[in-house]
Amino acid sequence: MAHRISRRVFATGALLLALGAPLVAAAPAAHAGPPTTPNSLSIAGPELPEPLTVRAEDDPELFAAVFGQVSWLKGHGQTSSPAAGDLGPKYTVVVFIEDVAKQTYDLYPLATGGPRAYRPTRQPDKRKTDAAWFYGRLTMPDTLRAAGVPLAAPVTTVINGGVGGIGGGARVIPDSALNPGKDIDRLFGDLRRVMLLNAAVVVTITMGLAGITLLVRRRTH
C-alpha cells in the first residue's frame, strides 16, 4: 500500500514539474524589455559614396572606439557655435540599436583649433534635446581613419608661427644659419684654439715641475 502511494506521489510531482517548467522558462522572456545597448553605427560624409557601417559583433574594438567619440556628448555643450569656415568637412554618425536609428551627431575632425562635435536638435528616436557644440576628442581623426573615412594625414610643417600644410610659409631658419662650410671652418678654428690652450697648459705644468725638481736638488746638496 505504501509503495503504491509513493508511486502516486512521485507521478503527481513529475506531472506538476512538467506542467510548470514551460511557465518558469517563459517568465524571463515575458519580463525582458527591448534591447537598449547600441550595437551598430553608420558614418556618412564627403568622399563616401555610401555610409560606412561598423557593427559591434564584427569589430567590437573599432565599434567601441567610434561610439566613444559620441557617447559622452550630453548636457548643454562646451562651446558656442564656431565659424562655418573653421569647421572643415562634416561626418554624420548615426547610432543604431538592433538596426533602429536612435541618435545622430555631426563630427568635424579637421576643425581649426581641434576636432569639434555637434548634437542636432532633431534626433531619430524623436526624443527632445537641445542643439549643442562640444570640443571633440583629439583621437577623432585617427578613429575615423581606422573606420575607413578618407581623411588626409596631418602635416606638422611650421608656417608663420603656426601649424599647417606645405607652401606659402616664410622660412623660419635664416639663410645665414644654413652654411655648412662656414660652420666647419668655425669648428676647426675653435678646435685649434683649444689645442693651443692645452699645449700652453702642458708647457706651464712641465716648466713648473722642472723648477720644483731643480729647487729640491739644490737643497739636498
N, C-alpha and C. Protein backbone atom coordinates (compact mmCIF):
# COMPACT_ATOMS: atom_id res chain seq x y z
N MET A 1 0.83 -1.20 0.00
CA MET A 1 0.00 0.00 0.00
C MET A 1 0.87 1.26 0.00
N ALA A 2 1.85 1.28 0.90
CA ALA A 2 2.76 2.42 0.97
C ALA A 2 3.53 2.59 -0.32
N HIS A 3 3.87 1.45 -0.95
CA HIS A 3 4.61 1.52 -2.22
C HIS A 3 3.77 2.18 -3.30
N ARG A 4 2.44 1.84 -3.35
CA ARG A 4 1.55 2.44 -4.33
C ARG A 4 1.41 3.94 -4.09
N ILE A 5 1.30 4.35 -2.82
CA ILE A 5 1.17 5.78 -2.52
C ILE A 5 2.41 6.56 -2.95
N SER A 6 3.58 5.95 -2.71
CA SER A 6 4.83 6.61 -3.11
C SER A 6 4.89 6.81 -4.61
N ARG A 7 4.43 5.79 -5.36
CA ARG A 7 4.44 5.89 -6.82
C ARG A 7 3.49 6.98 -7.29
N ARG A 8 2.30 7.06 -6.62
CA ARG A 8 1.34 8.10 -6.99
C ARG A 8 1.90 9.49 -6.69
N VAL A 9 2.54 9.65 -5.52
CA VAL A 9 3.11 10.95 -5.17
C VAL A 9 4.20 11.35 -6.16
N PHE A 10 5.05 10.40 -6.51
CA PHE A 10 6.13 10.66 -7.46
C PHE A 10 5.58 11.06 -8.83
N ALA A 11 4.52 10.33 -9.28
CA ALA A 11 3.92 10.63 -10.58
C ALA A 11 3.27 11.99 -10.58
N THR A 12 2.61 12.34 -9.45
CA THR A 12 1.96 13.66 -9.36
C THR A 12 3.00 14.77 -9.38
N GLY A 13 4.12 14.58 -8.63
CA GLY A 13 5.18 15.59 -8.62
C GLY A 13 5.81 15.78 -9.98
N ALA A 14 6.03 14.67 -10.69
CA ALA A 14 6.62 14.77 -12.02
C ALA A 14 5.70 15.50 -12.98
N LEU A 15 4.37 15.22 -12.85
CA LEU A 15 3.42 15.91 -13.71
C LEU A 15 3.40 17.40 -13.45
N LEU A 16 3.45 17.80 -12.16
CA LEU A 16 3.46 19.22 -11.83
C LEU A 16 4.72 19.91 -12.34
N LEU A 17 5.87 19.22 -12.22
CA LEU A 17 7.11 19.79 -12.74
C LEU A 17 7.05 19.97 -14.24
N ALA A 18 6.49 18.99 -14.94
CA ALA A 18 6.39 19.06 -16.39
C ALA A 18 5.49 20.20 -16.83
N LEU A 19 4.39 20.41 -16.09
CA LEU A 19 3.49 21.49 -16.44
C LEU A 19 4.05 22.86 -16.06
N GLY A 20 4.85 22.92 -14.98
CA GLY A 20 5.37 24.20 -14.52
C GLY A 20 6.62 24.66 -15.22
N ALA A 21 7.37 23.72 -15.81
CA ALA A 21 8.63 24.08 -16.46
C ALA A 21 8.44 25.09 -17.58
N PRO A 22 7.47 24.92 -18.51
CA PRO A 22 7.29 25.93 -19.55
C PRO A 22 6.95 27.29 -19.00
N LEU A 23 6.19 27.33 -17.88
CA LEU A 23 5.84 28.62 -17.30
C LEU A 23 7.06 29.32 -16.72
N VAL A 24 7.93 28.53 -16.06
CA VAL A 24 9.15 29.10 -15.49
C VAL A 24 10.08 29.58 -16.59
N ALA A 25 10.19 28.80 -17.67
CA ALA A 25 11.07 29.19 -18.77
C ALA A 25 10.57 30.43 -19.49
N ALA A 26 9.23 30.56 -19.54
CA ALA A 26 8.67 31.70 -20.26
C ALA A 26 8.66 32.96 -19.43
N ALA A 27 8.85 32.84 -18.08
CA ALA A 27 8.76 34.01 -17.22
C ALA A 27 9.80 35.07 -17.55
N PRO A 28 11.12 34.72 -17.69
CA PRO A 28 12.10 35.77 -18.01
C PRO A 28 11.82 36.45 -19.34
N ALA A 29 11.35 35.66 -20.35
CA ALA A 29 11.08 36.25 -21.65
C ALA A 29 9.92 37.23 -21.58
N ALA A 30 8.97 36.92 -20.69
CA ALA A 30 7.81 37.81 -20.59
C ALA A 30 8.19 39.15 -19.99
N HIS A 31 9.19 39.15 -19.05
CA HIS A 31 9.59 40.38 -18.39
C HIS A 31 10.74 41.09 -19.10
N ALA A 32 11.39 40.42 -20.08
CA ALA A 32 12.52 41.04 -20.78
C ALA A 32 12.03 42.19 -21.65
N GLY A 33 12.69 43.35 -21.53
CA GLY A 33 12.32 44.52 -22.32
C GLY A 33 13.10 44.58 -23.61
N PRO A 34 12.86 45.59 -24.41
CA PRO A 34 13.61 45.75 -25.67
C PRO A 34 15.07 46.07 -25.39
N PRO A 35 15.96 45.70 -26.29
CA PRO A 35 17.39 45.98 -26.09
C PRO A 35 17.65 47.48 -26.03
N THR A 36 18.59 47.87 -25.20
CA THR A 36 18.90 49.30 -25.01
C THR A 36 20.36 49.64 -25.31
N THR A 37 21.16 48.65 -25.65
CA THR A 37 22.58 48.88 -25.89
C THR A 37 22.84 49.05 -27.38
N PRO A 38 23.46 50.16 -27.81
CA PRO A 38 23.80 50.33 -29.24
C PRO A 38 24.71 49.21 -29.71
N ASN A 39 24.47 48.73 -30.90
CA ASN A 39 25.28 47.63 -31.43
C ASN A 39 25.77 47.88 -32.86
N SER A 40 25.45 49.05 -33.41
CA SER A 40 25.99 49.38 -34.74
C SER A 40 25.88 50.88 -34.95
N LEU A 41 26.61 51.38 -35.93
CA LEU A 41 26.56 52.80 -36.27
C LEU A 41 26.98 52.98 -37.72
N SER A 42 26.62 54.12 -38.27
CA SER A 42 26.99 54.45 -39.64
C SER A 42 27.70 55.80 -39.68
N ILE A 43 28.55 55.97 -40.67
CA ILE A 43 29.30 57.21 -40.86
C ILE A 43 29.10 57.67 -42.29
N ALA A 44 28.59 58.88 -42.48
CA ALA A 44 28.38 59.44 -43.81
C ALA A 44 29.10 60.78 -43.90
N GLY A 45 29.59 61.09 -45.11
CA GLY A 45 30.29 62.34 -45.27
C GLY A 45 30.95 62.46 -46.63
N PRO A 46 31.78 63.49 -46.83
CA PRO A 46 32.44 63.71 -48.11
C PRO A 46 33.31 62.51 -48.52
N GLU A 47 33.36 62.28 -49.82
CA GLU A 47 34.16 61.22 -50.41
C GLU A 47 33.75 59.83 -49.93
N LEU A 48 32.53 59.72 -49.43
CA LEU A 48 31.98 58.42 -49.05
C LEU A 48 30.72 58.18 -49.88
N PRO A 49 30.81 57.44 -50.98
CA PRO A 49 29.62 57.22 -51.82
C PRO A 49 28.46 56.61 -51.04
N GLU A 50 28.78 55.72 -50.10
CA GLU A 50 27.77 55.12 -49.24
C GLU A 50 28.24 55.21 -47.79
N PRO A 51 27.32 55.32 -46.86
CA PRO A 51 27.71 55.37 -45.44
C PRO A 51 28.48 54.12 -45.03
N LEU A 52 29.49 54.32 -44.22
CA LEU A 52 30.23 53.20 -43.65
C LEU A 52 29.44 52.64 -42.46
N THR A 53 29.46 51.33 -42.31
CA THR A 53 28.75 50.68 -41.20
C THR A 53 29.74 49.95 -40.32
N VAL A 54 29.66 50.17 -39.04
CA VAL A 54 30.52 49.50 -38.07
C VAL A 54 29.61 48.77 -37.09
N ARG A 55 29.78 47.45 -36.98
CA ARG A 55 28.94 46.63 -36.11
C ARG A 55 29.77 46.09 -34.94
N ALA A 56 29.17 46.07 -33.79
CA ALA A 56 29.86 45.59 -32.60
C ALA A 56 30.21 44.12 -32.70
N GLU A 57 29.35 43.33 -33.33
CA GLU A 57 29.62 41.90 -33.43
C GLU A 57 30.74 41.59 -34.42
N ASP A 58 30.95 42.47 -35.40
CA ASP A 58 32.01 42.23 -36.39
C ASP A 58 33.37 42.74 -35.90
N ASP A 59 33.40 43.91 -35.30
CA ASP A 59 34.66 44.50 -34.83
C ASP A 59 34.36 45.28 -33.55
N PRO A 60 34.33 44.59 -32.40
CA PRO A 60 33.95 45.27 -31.15
C PRO A 60 34.89 46.40 -30.76
N GLU A 61 36.19 46.26 -31.02
CA GLU A 61 37.13 47.31 -30.65
C GLU A 61 36.91 48.57 -31.48
N LEU A 62 36.74 48.42 -32.78
CA LEU A 62 36.52 49.57 -33.64
C LEU A 62 35.18 50.23 -33.30
N PHE A 63 34.14 49.41 -33.07
CA PHE A 63 32.85 49.98 -32.71
C PHE A 63 32.95 50.78 -31.42
N ALA A 64 33.64 50.23 -30.42
CA ALA A 64 33.79 50.94 -29.15
C ALA A 64 34.55 52.24 -29.33
N ALA A 65 35.56 52.24 -30.21
CA ALA A 65 36.35 53.46 -30.44
C ALA A 65 35.52 54.55 -31.10
N VAL A 66 34.74 54.18 -32.14
CA VAL A 66 33.93 55.19 -32.83
C VAL A 66 32.78 55.64 -31.93
N PHE A 67 32.11 54.70 -31.28
CA PHE A 67 31.00 55.06 -30.40
C PHE A 67 31.48 55.94 -29.25
N GLY A 68 32.73 55.72 -28.82
CA GLY A 68 33.29 56.54 -27.74
C GLY A 68 33.46 57.99 -28.11
N GLN A 69 33.46 58.31 -29.41
CA GLN A 69 33.58 59.69 -29.85
C GLN A 69 32.28 60.48 -29.65
N VAL A 70 31.14 59.77 -29.50
CA VAL A 70 29.85 60.46 -29.40
C VAL A 70 29.05 60.09 -28.16
N SER A 71 29.42 59.00 -27.49
CA SER A 71 28.60 58.51 -26.38
C SER A 71 28.55 59.48 -25.21
N TRP A 72 29.52 60.36 -25.09
CA TRP A 72 29.59 61.28 -23.95
C TRP A 72 29.03 62.67 -24.26
N LEU A 73 28.51 62.88 -25.46
CA LEU A 73 28.02 64.20 -25.87
C LEU A 73 26.65 64.46 -25.25
N LYS A 74 26.66 64.85 -23.99
CA LYS A 74 25.42 65.08 -23.26
C LYS A 74 25.47 66.47 -22.60
N GLY A 75 24.36 66.89 -22.09
CA GLY A 75 24.32 68.19 -21.40
C GLY A 75 24.13 69.34 -22.37
N HIS A 76 24.54 70.52 -21.94
CA HIS A 76 24.30 71.76 -22.69
C HIS A 76 25.46 72.14 -23.62
N GLY A 77 26.47 71.32 -23.71
CA GLY A 77 27.58 71.61 -24.60
C GLY A 77 28.72 72.31 -23.88
N GLN A 78 29.83 72.51 -24.61
CA GLN A 78 31.03 73.09 -24.04
C GLN A 78 31.46 74.38 -24.71
N THR A 79 30.93 74.69 -25.87
CA THR A 79 31.41 75.85 -26.62
C THR A 79 30.28 76.43 -27.45
N SER A 80 30.45 77.66 -27.87
CA SER A 80 29.48 78.29 -28.75
C SER A 80 29.69 77.81 -30.18
N SER A 81 28.79 78.19 -31.05
CA SER A 81 28.87 77.75 -32.43
C SER A 81 30.09 78.37 -33.12
N PRO A 82 31.00 77.56 -33.65
CA PRO A 82 32.19 78.12 -34.32
C PRO A 82 31.83 78.63 -35.71
N ALA A 83 32.75 79.38 -36.29
CA ALA A 83 32.55 79.89 -37.65
C ALA A 83 32.53 78.73 -38.64
N ALA A 84 31.63 78.82 -39.61
CA ALA A 84 31.48 77.72 -40.57
C ALA A 84 32.78 77.47 -41.34
N GLY A 85 33.54 78.53 -41.61
CA GLY A 85 34.77 78.37 -42.35
C GLY A 85 35.88 77.69 -41.58
N ASP A 86 35.70 77.54 -40.27
CA ASP A 86 36.73 76.90 -39.45
C ASP A 86 36.44 75.44 -39.15
N LEU A 87 35.33 74.91 -39.67
CA LEU A 87 34.91 73.56 -39.29
C LEU A 87 35.53 72.46 -40.15
N GLY A 88 35.69 72.71 -41.44
CA GLY A 88 36.19 71.65 -42.31
C GLY A 88 35.09 70.66 -42.65
N PRO A 89 35.43 69.49 -43.18
CA PRO A 89 34.42 68.52 -43.61
C PRO A 89 33.61 67.96 -42.43
N LYS A 90 32.33 67.69 -42.73
CA LYS A 90 31.42 67.16 -41.71
C LYS A 90 31.14 65.68 -41.97
N TYR A 91 31.19 64.90 -40.89
CA TYR A 91 30.85 63.48 -40.97
C TYR A 91 29.75 63.18 -39.95
N THR A 92 28.65 62.64 -40.45
CA THR A 92 27.48 62.37 -39.61
C THR A 92 27.50 60.93 -39.13
N VAL A 93 27.43 60.77 -37.82
CA VAL A 93 27.41 59.44 -37.20
C VAL A 93 26.01 59.18 -36.67
N VAL A 94 25.42 58.06 -37.08
CA VAL A 94 24.10 57.65 -36.60
C VAL A 94 24.27 56.36 -35.81
N VAL A 95 23.76 56.34 -34.60
CA VAL A 95 23.87 55.19 -33.71
C VAL A 95 22.59 54.37 -33.77
N PHE A 96 22.75 53.04 -33.89
CA PHE A 96 21.61 52.15 -34.03
C PHE A 96 21.54 51.17 -32.85
N ILE A 97 20.32 50.78 -32.53
CA ILE A 97 20.06 49.67 -31.60
C ILE A 97 19.19 48.67 -32.35
N GLU A 98 19.76 47.52 -32.65
CA GLU A 98 19.04 46.50 -33.42
C GLU A 98 18.47 47.09 -34.72
N ASP A 99 19.35 47.79 -35.47
CA ASP A 99 19.02 48.36 -36.77
C ASP A 99 17.96 49.47 -36.71
N VAL A 100 17.71 50.01 -35.53
CA VAL A 100 16.79 51.13 -35.38
C VAL A 100 17.60 52.36 -35.01
N ALA A 101 17.55 53.41 -35.83
CA ALA A 101 18.33 54.62 -35.57
C ALA A 101 17.84 55.30 -34.30
N LYS A 102 18.78 55.64 -33.42
CA LYS A 102 18.44 56.24 -32.13
C LYS A 102 19.05 57.62 -31.93
N GLN A 103 20.28 57.81 -32.37
CA GLN A 103 20.97 59.07 -32.12
C GLN A 103 21.76 59.47 -33.36
N THR A 104 21.98 60.76 -33.52
CA THR A 104 22.79 61.26 -34.63
C THR A 104 23.65 62.42 -34.14
N TYR A 105 24.87 62.49 -34.67
CA TYR A 105 25.83 63.53 -34.30
C TYR A 105 26.63 63.92 -35.54
N ASP A 106 27.10 65.16 -35.55
CA ASP A 106 27.97 65.64 -36.63
C ASP A 106 29.37 65.84 -36.07
N LEU A 107 30.35 65.24 -36.72
CA LEU A 107 31.74 65.33 -36.28
C LEU A 107 32.55 66.13 -37.29
N TYR A 108 33.44 66.97 -36.77
CA TYR A 108 34.32 67.80 -37.59
C TYR A 108 35.76 67.52 -37.16
N PRO A 109 36.37 66.48 -37.68
CA PRO A 109 37.71 66.07 -37.21
C PRO A 109 38.82 67.04 -37.58
N LEU A 110 38.63 67.85 -38.63
CA LEU A 110 39.70 68.75 -39.10
C LEU A 110 39.39 70.21 -38.80
N ALA A 111 38.58 70.47 -37.81
CA ALA A 111 38.23 71.85 -37.47
C ALA A 111 39.45 72.60 -36.95
N THR A 112 39.47 73.90 -37.22
CA THR A 112 40.55 74.74 -36.72
C THR A 112 40.53 74.79 -35.20
N GLY A 113 41.68 74.54 -34.60
CA GLY A 113 41.76 74.54 -33.14
C GLY A 113 41.47 73.20 -32.51
N GLY A 114 41.20 72.18 -33.32
CA GLY A 114 40.94 70.86 -32.79
C GLY A 114 39.56 70.34 -33.18
N PRO A 115 39.35 69.03 -33.11
CA PRO A 115 38.08 68.44 -33.52
C PRO A 115 36.89 69.03 -32.75
N ARG A 116 35.76 69.11 -33.44
CA ARG A 116 34.51 69.59 -32.82
C ARG A 116 33.42 68.56 -33.08
N ALA A 117 32.39 68.59 -32.24
CA ALA A 117 31.24 67.71 -32.39
C ALA A 117 29.97 68.51 -32.15
N TYR A 118 28.91 68.13 -32.88
CA TYR A 118 27.64 68.86 -32.77
C TYR A 118 26.50 67.86 -32.59
N ARG A 119 25.63 68.15 -31.63
CA ARG A 119 24.45 67.32 -31.39
C ARG A 119 23.22 68.08 -31.89
N PRO A 120 22.61 67.62 -32.98
CA PRO A 120 21.44 68.33 -33.52
C PRO A 120 20.22 68.19 -32.61
N THR A 121 19.30 69.13 -32.78
CA THR A 121 18.06 69.07 -32.02
C THR A 121 17.20 67.88 -32.44
N ARG A 122 17.10 67.66 -33.73
CA ARG A 122 16.27 66.57 -34.25
C ARG A 122 17.04 65.26 -34.18
N GLN A 123 16.49 64.33 -33.44
CA GLN A 123 17.11 63.02 -33.27
C GLN A 123 16.19 61.94 -33.87
N PRO A 124 16.79 60.84 -34.34
CA PRO A 124 15.97 59.80 -34.99
C PRO A 124 14.90 59.20 -34.08
N ASP A 125 15.16 59.12 -32.78
CA ASP A 125 14.19 58.48 -31.88
C ASP A 125 13.14 59.47 -31.37
N LYS A 126 13.11 60.69 -31.94
CA LYS A 126 12.11 61.70 -31.62
C LYS A 126 12.22 62.25 -30.18
N ARG A 127 13.28 61.95 -29.49
CA ARG A 127 13.43 62.45 -28.13
C ARG A 127 13.77 63.95 -28.18
N LYS A 128 13.41 64.65 -27.11
CA LYS A 128 13.66 66.08 -27.03
C LYS A 128 15.07 66.33 -26.52
N THR A 129 15.79 67.17 -27.23
CA THR A 129 17.14 67.55 -26.82
C THR A 129 17.47 68.91 -27.39
N ASP A 130 18.46 69.54 -26.84
CA ASP A 130 18.89 70.86 -27.30
C ASP A 130 20.12 70.71 -28.20
N ALA A 131 20.21 71.58 -29.18
CA ALA A 131 21.42 71.59 -30.01
C ALA A 131 22.60 72.04 -29.16
N ALA A 132 23.74 71.41 -29.36
CA ALA A 132 24.90 71.73 -28.53
C ALA A 132 26.18 71.43 -29.28
N TRP A 133 27.21 72.27 -29.03
CA TRP A 133 28.54 72.09 -29.60
C TRP A 133 29.48 71.60 -28.50
N PHE A 134 30.42 70.74 -28.91
CA PHE A 134 31.39 70.18 -27.97
C PHE A 134 32.78 70.21 -28.60
N TYR A 135 33.79 70.27 -27.75
CA TYR A 135 35.15 70.04 -28.21
C TYR A 135 35.34 68.53 -28.36
N GLY A 136 35.68 68.10 -29.58
CA GLY A 136 35.84 66.67 -29.81
C GLY A 136 37.14 66.14 -29.23
N ARG A 137 37.20 64.84 -29.12
CA ARG A 137 38.42 64.21 -28.63
C ARG A 137 39.51 64.30 -29.69
N LEU A 138 40.75 64.42 -29.22
CA LEU A 138 41.88 64.54 -30.14
C LEU A 138 42.08 63.28 -30.98
N THR A 139 41.54 62.17 -30.53
CA THR A 139 41.67 60.91 -31.27
C THR A 139 40.64 60.79 -32.39
N MET A 140 39.78 61.78 -32.56
CA MET A 140 38.72 61.69 -33.56
C MET A 140 39.24 61.42 -34.97
N PRO A 141 40.23 62.19 -35.49
CA PRO A 141 40.69 61.92 -36.86
C PRO A 141 41.22 60.50 -37.04
N ASP A 142 42.06 60.04 -36.12
CA ASP A 142 42.63 58.69 -36.26
C ASP A 142 41.54 57.63 -36.16
N THR A 143 40.55 57.84 -35.31
CA THR A 143 39.47 56.86 -35.16
C THR A 143 38.65 56.77 -36.44
N LEU A 144 38.33 57.91 -37.03
CA LEU A 144 37.56 57.90 -38.27
C LEU A 144 38.37 57.28 -39.41
N ARG A 145 39.67 57.53 -39.43
CA ARG A 145 40.51 56.89 -40.46
C ARG A 145 40.47 55.37 -40.30
N ALA A 146 40.54 54.91 -39.06
CA ALA A 146 40.51 53.47 -38.81
C ALA A 146 39.19 52.86 -39.27
N ALA A 147 38.12 53.64 -39.24
CA ALA A 147 36.81 53.15 -39.68
C ALA A 147 36.65 53.18 -41.19
N GLY A 148 37.59 53.84 -41.89
CA GLY A 148 37.54 53.88 -43.35
C GLY A 148 37.27 55.25 -43.94
N VAL A 149 37.21 56.28 -43.11
CA VAL A 149 36.98 57.64 -43.61
C VAL A 149 38.27 58.14 -44.26
N PRO A 150 38.23 58.63 -45.51
CA PRO A 150 39.45 59.05 -46.21
C PRO A 150 39.92 60.44 -45.78
N LEU A 151 40.40 60.56 -44.56
CA LEU A 151 40.93 61.83 -44.08
C LEU A 151 42.41 61.94 -44.42
N ALA A 152 42.84 63.11 -44.84
CA ALA A 152 44.25 63.33 -45.12
C ALA A 152 45.04 63.33 -43.83
N ALA A 153 46.25 62.76 -43.88
CA ALA A 153 47.11 62.74 -42.70
C ALA A 153 47.57 64.15 -42.39
N PRO A 154 47.71 64.50 -41.11
CA PRO A 154 48.11 65.86 -40.76
C PRO A 154 49.56 66.13 -41.13
N VAL A 155 49.85 67.38 -41.49
CA VAL A 155 51.21 67.83 -41.79
C VAL A 155 51.63 68.82 -40.71
N THR A 156 52.79 68.61 -40.11
CA THR A 156 53.21 69.41 -38.97
C THR A 156 54.28 70.43 -39.34
N THR A 157 54.30 70.88 -40.60
CA THR A 157 55.24 71.91 -41.01
C THR A 157 54.88 73.23 -40.35
N VAL A 158 55.86 73.93 -39.78
CA VAL A 158 55.63 75.20 -39.11
C VAL A 158 55.55 76.30 -40.15
N ILE A 159 54.44 77.05 -40.11
CA ILE A 159 54.23 78.13 -41.08
C ILE A 159 53.78 79.38 -40.34
N ASN A 160 54.57 80.44 -40.47
CA ASN A 160 54.20 81.73 -39.89
C ASN A 160 53.82 81.61 -38.42
N GLY A 161 54.57 80.84 -37.69
CA GLY A 161 54.32 80.72 -36.26
C GLY A 161 53.25 79.73 -35.90
N GLY A 162 52.66 79.01 -36.86
CA GLY A 162 51.60 78.05 -36.54
C GLY A 162 51.88 76.73 -37.20
N VAL A 163 50.87 75.86 -37.19
CA VAL A 163 50.98 74.54 -37.78
C VAL A 163 50.04 74.48 -38.97
N GLY A 164 50.54 74.02 -40.10
CA GLY A 164 49.68 73.98 -41.28
C GLY A 164 50.29 73.11 -42.35
N GLY A 165 49.84 73.29 -43.59
CA GLY A 165 50.33 72.48 -44.68
C GLY A 165 51.57 73.08 -45.30
N ILE A 166 52.02 72.46 -46.35
CA ILE A 166 53.24 72.91 -47.03
C ILE A 166 52.87 74.00 -48.03
N GLY A 167 53.72 75.00 -48.14
CA GLY A 167 53.52 76.05 -49.14
C GLY A 167 53.04 77.34 -48.53
N GLY A 168 53.53 78.47 -49.07
CA GLY A 168 53.05 79.77 -48.64
C GLY A 168 53.63 80.27 -47.35
N GLY A 169 54.58 79.55 -46.77
CA GLY A 169 55.11 79.97 -45.47
C GLY A 169 56.47 80.61 -45.60
N ALA A 170 56.81 81.39 -44.62
CA ALA A 170 58.12 82.03 -44.59
C ALA A 170 59.13 81.11 -43.93
N ARG A 171 60.38 81.19 -44.37
CA ARG A 171 61.42 80.36 -43.79
C ARG A 171 61.64 80.77 -42.33
N VAL A 172 61.61 79.77 -41.45
CA VAL A 172 61.80 80.05 -40.04
C VAL A 172 63.28 80.17 -39.71
N ILE A 173 64.14 79.36 -40.34
CA ILE A 173 65.59 79.38 -40.10
C ILE A 173 66.23 80.32 -41.11
N PRO A 174 66.99 81.31 -40.70
CA PRO A 174 67.60 82.24 -41.66
C PRO A 174 68.62 81.56 -42.54
N ASP A 175 68.82 82.13 -43.75
CA ASP A 175 69.77 81.54 -44.69
C ASP A 175 71.19 81.55 -44.14
N SER A 176 71.51 82.54 -43.30
CA SER A 176 72.87 82.61 -42.77
C SER A 176 73.20 81.45 -41.87
N ALA A 177 72.13 80.77 -41.38
CA ALA A 177 72.38 79.63 -40.50
C ALA A 177 72.51 78.34 -41.27
N LEU A 178 72.37 78.40 -42.60
CA LEU A 178 72.42 77.18 -43.41
C LEU A 178 73.66 77.19 -44.30
N ASN A 179 74.85 77.47 -43.72
CA ASN A 179 76.11 77.50 -44.45
C ASN A 179 77.04 76.47 -43.83
N PRO A 180 77.05 75.23 -44.34
CA PRO A 180 77.85 74.18 -43.71
C PRO A 180 79.35 74.46 -43.78
N GLY A 181 79.83 75.09 -44.88
CA GLY A 181 81.26 75.37 -44.99
C GLY A 181 81.71 76.33 -43.90
N LYS A 182 80.92 77.36 -43.65
CA LYS A 182 81.27 78.32 -42.61
C LYS A 182 81.27 77.68 -41.24
N ASP A 183 80.31 76.79 -41.01
CA ASP A 183 80.25 76.10 -39.72
C ASP A 183 81.45 75.21 -39.51
N ILE A 184 81.91 74.52 -40.58
CA ILE A 184 83.08 73.63 -40.45
C ILE A 184 84.33 74.45 -40.15
N ASP A 185 84.52 75.60 -40.85
CA ASP A 185 85.68 76.45 -40.59
C ASP A 185 85.67 76.94 -39.15
N ARG A 186 84.50 77.31 -38.66
CA ARG A 186 84.42 77.78 -37.28
C ARG A 186 84.75 76.64 -36.31
N LEU A 187 84.31 75.43 -36.64
CA LEU A 187 84.60 74.29 -35.78
C LEU A 187 86.10 74.03 -35.69
N PHE A 188 86.80 74.04 -36.86
CA PHE A 188 88.24 73.81 -36.84
C PHE A 188 88.96 74.95 -36.12
N GLY A 189 88.50 76.17 -36.28
CA GLY A 189 89.13 77.29 -35.57
C GLY A 189 89.01 77.12 -34.06
N ASP A 190 87.82 76.73 -33.60
CA ASP A 190 87.64 76.51 -32.17
C ASP A 190 88.51 75.35 -31.69
N LEU A 191 88.59 74.29 -32.51
CA LEU A 191 89.43 73.15 -32.11
C LEU A 191 90.90 73.53 -32.04
N ARG A 192 91.36 74.38 -32.96
CA ARG A 192 92.76 74.82 -32.96
C ARG A 192 93.06 75.63 -31.70
N ARG A 193 92.15 76.51 -31.32
CA ARG A 193 92.36 77.30 -30.12
C ARG A 193 92.39 76.43 -28.87
N VAL A 194 91.54 75.42 -28.85
CA VAL A 194 91.53 74.51 -27.69
C VAL A 194 92.85 73.76 -27.59
N MET A 195 93.37 73.29 -28.76
CA MET A 195 94.63 72.55 -28.74
C MET A 195 95.79 73.44 -28.31
N LEU A 196 95.84 74.70 -28.77
CA LEU A 196 96.91 75.61 -28.36
C LEU A 196 96.82 75.91 -26.87
N LEU A 197 95.61 76.06 -26.37
CA LEU A 197 95.44 76.31 -24.94
C LEU A 197 95.91 75.11 -24.13
N ASN A 198 95.58 73.90 -24.59
CA ASN A 198 96.05 72.71 -23.89
C ASN A 198 97.57 72.60 -23.91
N ALA A 199 98.16 72.92 -25.07
CA ALA A 199 99.62 72.87 -25.17
C ALA A 199 100.27 73.86 -24.22
N ALA A 200 99.69 75.06 -24.13
CA ALA A 200 100.24 76.07 -23.22
C ALA A 200 100.15 75.60 -21.77
N VAL A 201 99.05 74.95 -21.43
CA VAL A 201 98.89 74.44 -20.06
C VAL A 201 99.92 73.35 -19.77
N VAL A 202 100.14 72.46 -20.76
CA VAL A 202 101.12 71.38 -20.56
C VAL A 202 102.53 71.96 -20.38
N VAL A 203 102.87 72.95 -21.22
CA VAL A 203 104.21 73.56 -21.10
C VAL A 203 104.37 74.23 -19.74
N THR A 204 103.35 74.93 -19.30
CA THR A 204 103.42 75.61 -18.00
C THR A 204 103.60 74.61 -16.87
N ILE A 205 102.86 73.51 -16.93
CA ILE A 205 102.98 72.49 -15.88
C ILE A 205 104.37 71.86 -15.91
N THR A 206 104.89 71.60 -17.13
CA THR A 206 106.22 70.97 -17.26
C THR A 206 107.30 71.88 -16.69
N MET A 207 107.22 73.18 -17.03
CA MET A 207 108.22 74.13 -16.51
C MET A 207 108.12 74.24 -14.99
N GLY A 208 106.91 74.19 -14.47
CA GLY A 208 106.76 74.26 -13.03
C GLY A 208 107.37 73.06 -12.33
N LEU A 209 107.12 71.86 -12.89
CA LEU A 209 107.72 70.65 -12.31
C LEU A 209 109.24 70.68 -12.40
N ALA A 210 109.76 71.19 -13.53
CA ALA A 210 111.22 71.27 -13.67
C ALA A 210 111.82 72.23 -12.64
N GLY A 211 111.16 73.35 -12.41
CA GLY A 211 111.65 74.30 -11.42
C GLY A 211 111.62 73.71 -10.02
N ILE A 212 110.54 72.96 -9.70
CA ILE A 212 110.46 72.33 -8.37
C ILE A 212 111.55 71.29 -8.21
N THR A 213 111.79 70.53 -9.28
CA THR A 213 112.84 69.49 -9.22
C THR A 213 114.21 70.12 -9.01
N LEU A 214 114.51 71.21 -9.72
CA LEU A 214 115.79 71.90 -9.57
C LEU A 214 115.95 72.46 -8.16
N LEU A 215 114.90 73.01 -7.61
CA LEU A 215 114.95 73.57 -6.26
C LEU A 215 115.20 72.49 -5.23
N VAL A 216 114.59 71.33 -5.40
CA VAL A 216 114.78 70.22 -4.45
C VAL A 216 116.22 69.72 -4.50
N ARG A 217 116.80 69.63 -5.70
CA ARG A 217 118.17 69.14 -5.83
C ARG A 217 119.15 70.10 -5.15
N ARG A 218 118.93 71.40 -5.30
CA ARG A 218 119.85 72.36 -4.69
C ARG A 218 119.82 72.26 -3.16
N ARG A 219 118.64 72.05 -2.63
CA ARG A 219 118.54 71.97 -1.17
C ARG A 219 119.12 70.67 -0.63
N THR A 220 119.01 69.60 -1.40
CA THR A 220 119.57 68.32 -0.93
C THR A 220 121.09 68.29 -1.00
N HIS A 221 121.70 69.07 -1.87
CA HIS A 221 123.16 69.13 -1.96
C HIS A 221 123.70 70.24 -1.12
